[in-house]
Amino acid sequence: MSTARLNDRLAARQPLVLGLFRIVLGLLFTSEGAATVFGLLDRPASPVGEWPFWYAGVIELVAGALVLVGALTRGAAFLASGIMAFAYFTEHQKDGLFPLQNGGLAPALFCWGFLLLVFFGPGALSLAGRERRPGTVPGAPRRVRGRVS
């Protein structure tokens, strides 16, 4: 198979793979938030209102769920990326420069994964994608009974 043909086949599947990436990332982030807020998965719950851990858990839970289903993906991913950058620089960086030294591998990967979604959007299999009819251009005016809205 030629390189051009392989590139075409892979490019045709980009929205689906991006959507699957978003779903997995959102599920993992939601589970982090649920573990922090509710004490699931053998992790003790953070006391309600404890700064910054409980608040970060709530943001992880809500932003992760929004990313998981593909609703308000770019905004939720931007918030999630920011909170992971905050976590990395305030909690991990003091123990060393590199993520393998300071235990900050998960926040670093989450931060960059969510930043990717900010720029590339939700991909396929999202609630946002269900709002448009196939073949329409995002952001284009819609026709409603003969008039443009």
C-alpha atoms as a PDB file:
ATOM      1  CA  MET A   1       0.000   0.000   0.000  1.00  0.00           C
ATOM      2  CA  SER A   2       1.382   3.410  -0.912  1.00  0.00           C
ATOM      3  CA  THR A   3       2.092   6.078   1.679  1.00  0.00           C
ATOM      4  CA  ALA A   4      -0.436   8.466   0.136  1.00  0.00           C
ATOM      5  CA  ARG A   5      -3.162   5.827   0.237  1.00  0.00           C
ATOM      6  CA  LEU A   6      -2.343   4.949   3.851  1.00  0.00           C
ATOM      7  CA  ASN A   7      -2.408   8.642   4.794  1.00  0.00           C
ATOM      8  CA  ASP A   8      -5.838   9.008   3.173  1.00  0.00           C
ATOM      9  CA  ARG A   9      -7.210   5.999   5.048  1.00  0.00           C
ATOM     10  CA  LEU A  10      -5.833   7.234   8.359  1.00  0.00           C
ATOM     11  CA  ALA A  11      -7.037  10.807   7.768  1.00  0.00           C
ATOM     12  CA  ALA A  12     -10.561   9.552   7.103  1.00  0.00           C
ATOM     13  CA  ARG A  13     -10.614   8.038  10.593  1.00  0.00           C
ATOM     14  CA  GLN A  14      -9.225  11.051  12.459  1.00  0.00           C
ATOM     15  CA  PRO A  15     -12.597  12.277  13.816  1.00  0.00           C
ATOM     16  CA  LEU A  16     -13.428   8.816  15.182  1.00  0.00           C
ATOM     17  CA  VAL A  17     -10.013   8.341  16.824  1.00  0.00           C
ATOM     18  CA  LEU A  18     -10.143  11.868  18.265  1.00  0.00           C
ATOM     19  CA  GLY A  19     -13.609  11.104  19.652  1.00  0.00           C
ATOM     20  CA  LEU A  20     -12.369   7.887  21.253  1.00  0.00           C
ATOM     21  CA  PHE A  21      -9.380   9.767  22.703  1.00  0.00           C
ATOM     22  CA  ARG A  22     -11.782  12.359  24.180  1.00  0.00           C
ATOM     23  CA  ILE A  23     -14.001   9.657  25.697  1.00  0.00           C
ATOM     24  CA  VAL A  24     -11.103   7.798  27.349  1.00  0.00           C
ATOM     25  CA  LEU A  25      -9.502  11.026  28.604  1.00  0.00           C
ATOM     26  CA  GLY A  26     -12.844  12.242  29.979  1.00  0.00           C
ATOM     27  CA  LEU A  27     -13.540   8.904  31.679  1.00  0.00           C
ATOM     28  CA  LEU A  28     -10.119   8.831  33.343  1.00  0.00           C
ATOM     29  CA  PHE A  29     -10.451  12.452  34.487  1.00  0.00           C
ATOM     30  CA  THR A  30     -13.989  11.893  35.791  1.00  0.00           C
ATOM     31  CA  SER A  31     -12.776   8.905  37.794  1.00  0.00           C
ATOM     32  CA  GLU A  32     -10.021  11.073  39.330  1.00  0.00           C
ATOM     33  CA  GLY A  33     -12.623  13.649  40.366  1.00  0.00           C
ATOM     34  CA  ALA A  34     -15.040  11.026  41.699  1.00  0.00           C
ATOM     35  CA  ALA A  35     -12.266   9.437  43.751  1.00  0.00           C
ATOM     36  CA  THR A  36     -11.320  12.815  45.237  1.00  0.00           C
ATOM     37  CA  VAL A  37     -14.857  14.024  45.966  1.00  0.00           C
ATOM     38  CA  PHE A  38     -16.575  10.757  46.962  1.00  0.00           C
ATOM     39  CA  GLY A  39     -13.673   8.624  48.155  1.00  0.00           C
ATOM     40  CA  LEU A  40     -13.962   5.943  45.500  1.00  0.00           C
ATOM     41  CA  LEU A  41     -11.404   3.472  44.155  1.00  0.00           C
ATOM     42  CA  ASP A  42      -9.545   3.000  47.457  1.00  0.00           C
ATOM     43  CA  ARG A  43      -8.849   6.710  47.835  1.00  0.00           C
ATOM     44  CA  PRO A  44     -10.108   8.667  50.855  1.00  0.00           C
ATOM     45  CA  ALA A  45     -12.465  11.534  50.056  1.00  0.00           C
ATOM     46  CA  SER A  46     -11.074  15.015  50.393  1.00  0.00           C
ATOM     47  CA  PRO A  47     -12.953  16.945  53.107  1.00  0.00           C
ATOM     48  CA  VAL A  48     -15.632  19.229  51.650  1.00  0.00           C
ATOM     49  CA  GLY A  49     -14.263  22.698  51.014  1.00  0.00           C
ATOM     50  CA  GLU A  50     -10.597  21.763  51.547  1.00  0.00           C
ATOM     51  CA  TRP A  51      -8.453  24.032  49.373  1.00  0.00           C
ATOM     52  CA  PRO A  52      -7.344  23.147  46.715  1.00  0.00           C
ATOM     53  CA  PHE A  53      -8.011  19.408  46.647  1.00  0.00           C
ATOM     54  CA  TRP A  54     -11.792  19.270  47.058  1.00  0.00           C
ATOM     55  CA  TYR A  55     -12.329  22.107  44.572  1.00  0.00           C
ATOM     56  CA  ALA A  56      -9.970  20.461  42.102  1.00  0.00           C
ATOM     57  CA  GLY A  57     -11.924  17.220  42.507  1.00  0.00           C
ATOM     58  CA  VAL A  58     -15.203  18.953  41.711  1.00  0.00           C
ATOM     59  CA  ILE A  59     -13.669  20.570  38.628  1.00  0.00           C
ATOM     60  CA  GLU A  60     -12.218  17.207  37.561  1.00  0.00           C
ATOM     61  CA  LEU A  61     -15.597  15.536  38.003  1.00  0.00           C
ATOM     62  CA  VAL A  62     -17.619  18.146  36.101  1.00  0.00           C
ATOM     63  CA  ALA A  63     -15.078  18.974  33.370  1.00  0.00           C
ATOM     64  CA  GLY A  64     -14.308  15.281  32.897  1.00  0.00           C
ATOM     65  CA  ALA A  65     -17.990  14.433  32.480  1.00  0.00           C
ATOM     66  CA  LEU A  66     -18.469  17.252  29.949  1.00  0.00           C
ATOM     67  CA  VAL A  67     -15.441  16.101  27.958  1.00  0.00           C
ATOM     68  CA  LEU A  68     -16.584  12.472  28.192  1.00  0.00           C
ATOM     69  CA  VAL A  69     -19.953  13.174  26.559  1.00  0.00           C
ATOM     70  CA  GLY A  70     -18.612  15.866  24.240  1.00  0.00           C
ATOM     71  CA  ALA A  71     -20.629  18.814  25.525  1.00  0.00           C
ATOM     72  CA  LEU A  72     -18.885  22.194  25.866  1.00  0.00           C
ATOM     73  CA  THR A  73     -15.724  20.244  25.137  1.00  0.00           C
ATOM     74  CA  ARG A  74     -13.353  23.090  24.330  1.00  0.00           C
ATOM     75  CA  GLY A  75     -14.249  25.139  27.415  1.00  0.00           C
ATOM     76  CA  ALA A  76     -14.212  22.138  29.746  1.00  0.00           C
ATOM     77  CA  ALA A  77     -10.907  20.962  28.263  1.00  0.00           C
ATOM     78  CA  PHE A  78      -9.404  24.440  28.698  1.00  0.00           C
ATOM     79  CA  LEU A  79     -10.415  24.472  32.376  1.00  0.00           C
ATOM     80  CA  ALA A  80      -9.157  20.902  32.881  1.00  0.00           C
ATOM     81  CA  SER A  81      -5.840  21.684  31.184  1.00  0.00           C
ATOM     82  CA  GLY A  82      -5.401  24.739  33.384  1.00  0.00           C
ATOM     83  CA  ILE A  83      -6.136  22.924  36.610  1.00  0.00           C
ATOM     84  CA  MET A  84      -3.663  20.199  35.696  1.00  0.00           C
ATOM     85  CA  ALA A  85      -0.984  22.805  34.939  1.00  0.00           C
ATOM     86  CA  PHE A  86      -1.761  24.399  38.317  1.00  0.00           C
ATOM     87  CA  ALA A  87      -1.480  21.005  40.035  1.00  0.00           C
ATOM     88  CA  TYR A  88       1.805  20.252  38.325  1.00  0.00           C
ATOM     89  CA  PHE A  89       3.475  23.543  39.159  1.00  0.00           C
ATOM     90  CA  THR A  90       2.154  23.900  42.725  1.00  0.00           C
ATOM     91  CA  GLU A  91       2.264  20.282  43.939  1.00  0.00           C
ATOM     92  CA  HIS A  92       4.823  18.441  41.835  1.00  0.00           C
ATOM     93  CA  GLN A  93       7.459  20.804  40.454  1.00  0.00           C
ATOM     94  CA  LYS A  94       8.920  21.525  43.902  1.00  0.00           C
ATOM     95  CA  ASP A  95      10.096  17.882  44.049  1.00  0.00           C
ATOM     96  CA  GLY A  96      12.051  18.003  40.783  1.00  0.00           C
ATOM     97  CA  LEU A  97      11.961  19.330  37.244  1.00  0.00           C
ATOM     98  CA  PHE A  98      10.847  16.234  35.359  1.00  0.00           C
ATOM     99  CA  PRO A  99       7.533  14.387  35.801  1.00  0.00           C
ATOM    100  CA  LEU A 100       9.278  11.071  36.438  1.00  0.00           C
ATOM    101  CA  GLN A 101      11.204  12.699  39.306  1.00  0.00           C
ATOM    102  CA  ASN A 102       8.309  14.514  40.946  1.00  0.00           C
ATOM    103  CA  GLY A 103       5.331  12.168  40.473  1.00  0.00           C
ATOM    104  CA  GLY A 104       3.630  14.595  38.109  1.00  0.00           C
ATOM    105  CA  LEU A 105       3.326  12.366  35.061  1.00  0.00           C
ATOM    106  CA  ALA A 106      -0.478  12.129  35.232  1.00  0.00           C
ATOM    107  CA  PRO A 107      -1.053  15.895  35.579  1.00  0.00           C
ATOM    108  CA  ALA A 108       1.403  16.594  32.742  1.00  0.00           C
ATOM    109  CA  LEU A 109      -0.276  14.100  30.409  1.00  0.00           C
ATOM    110  CA  PHE A 110      -3.769  15.301  31.343  1.00  0.00           C
ATOM    111  CA  CYS A 111      -2.721  18.924  30.793  1.00  0.00           C
ATOM    112  CA  TRP A 112      -1.383  18.303  27.286  1.00  0.00           C
ATOM    113  CA  GLY A 113      -4.198  15.897  26.350  1.00  0.00           C
ATOM    114  CA  PHE A 114      -6.838  18.449  27.268  1.00  0.00           C
ATOM    115  CA  LEU A 115      -4.923  21.200  25.493  1.00  0.00           C
ATOM    116  CA  LEU A 116      -5.061  19.070  22.350  1.00  0.00           C
ATOM    117  CA  LEU A 117      -8.871  18.918  22.671  1.00  0.00           C
ATOM    118  CA  VAL A 118      -9.045  22.707  23.076  1.00  0.00           C
ATOM    119  CA  PHE A 119      -7.502  23.105  19.620  1.00  0.00           C
ATOM    120  CA  PHE A 120      -8.924  20.074  17.789  1.00  0.00           C
ATOM    121  CA  GLY A 121     -12.423  19.931  19.283  1.00  0.00           C
ATOM    122  CA  PRO A 122     -14.448  16.909  20.356  1.00  0.00           C
ATOM    123  CA  GLY A 123     -14.146  14.737  17.255  1.00  0.00           C
ATOM    124  CA  ALA A 124     -16.840  12.174  16.479  1.00  0.00           C
ATOM    125  CA  LEU A 125     -19.289  10.588  18.916  1.00  0.00           C
ATOM    126  CA  SER A 126     -20.001  13.814  20.813  1.00  0.00           C
ATOM    127  CA  LEU A 127     -23.218  15.477  21.916  1.00  0.00           C
ATOM    128  CA  ALA A 128     -22.051  18.660  20.208  1.00  0.00           C
ATOM    129  CA  GLY A 129     -21.754  16.766  16.919  1.00  0.00           C
ATOM    130  CA  ARG A 130     -25.327  15.493  17.181  1.00  0.00           C
ATOM    131  CA  GLU A 131     -26.696  19.044  17.101  1.00  0.00           C
ATOM    132  CA  ARG A 132     -25.638  19.540  13.465  1.00  0.00           C
ATOM    133  CA  ARG A 133     -27.064  17.708  10.531  1.00  0.00           C
ATOM    134  CA  PRO A 134     -24.538  15.848   8.375  1.00  0.00           C
ATOM    135  CA  GLY A 135     -23.131  18.008   5.613  1.00  0.00           C
ATOM    136  CA  THR A 136     -23.649  21.324   7.391  1.00  0.00           C
ATOM    137  CA  VAL A 137     -20.876  23.730   8.207  1.00  0.00           C
ATOM    138  CA  PRO A 138     -20.372  24.502  11.925  1.00  0.00           C
ATOM    139  CA  GLY A 139     -21.298  28.099  12.682  1.00  0.00           C
ATOM    140  CA  ALA A 140     -23.123  28.627   9.394  1.00  0.00           C
ATOM    141  CA  PRO A 141     -26.595  30.194   9.542  1.00  0.00           C
ATOM    142  CA  ARG A 142     -29.468  27.711   9.549  1.00  0.00           C
ATOM    143  CA  ARG A 143     -32.596  27.921   7.432  1.00  0.00           C
ATOM    144  CA  VAL A 144     -35.784  27.875   9.448  1.00  0.00           C
ATOM    145  CA  ARG A 145     -38.967  27.753   7.311  1.00  0.00           C
ATOM    146  CA  GLY A 146     -37.599  29.747   4.439  1.00  0.00           C
ATOM    147  CA  ARG A 147     -35.656  32.316   6.434  1.00  0.00           C
ATOM    148  CA  VAL A 148     -32.092  32.362   7.660  1.00  0.00           C
ATOM    149  CA  SER A 149     -31.562  32.452  11.437  1.00  0.00           C
END
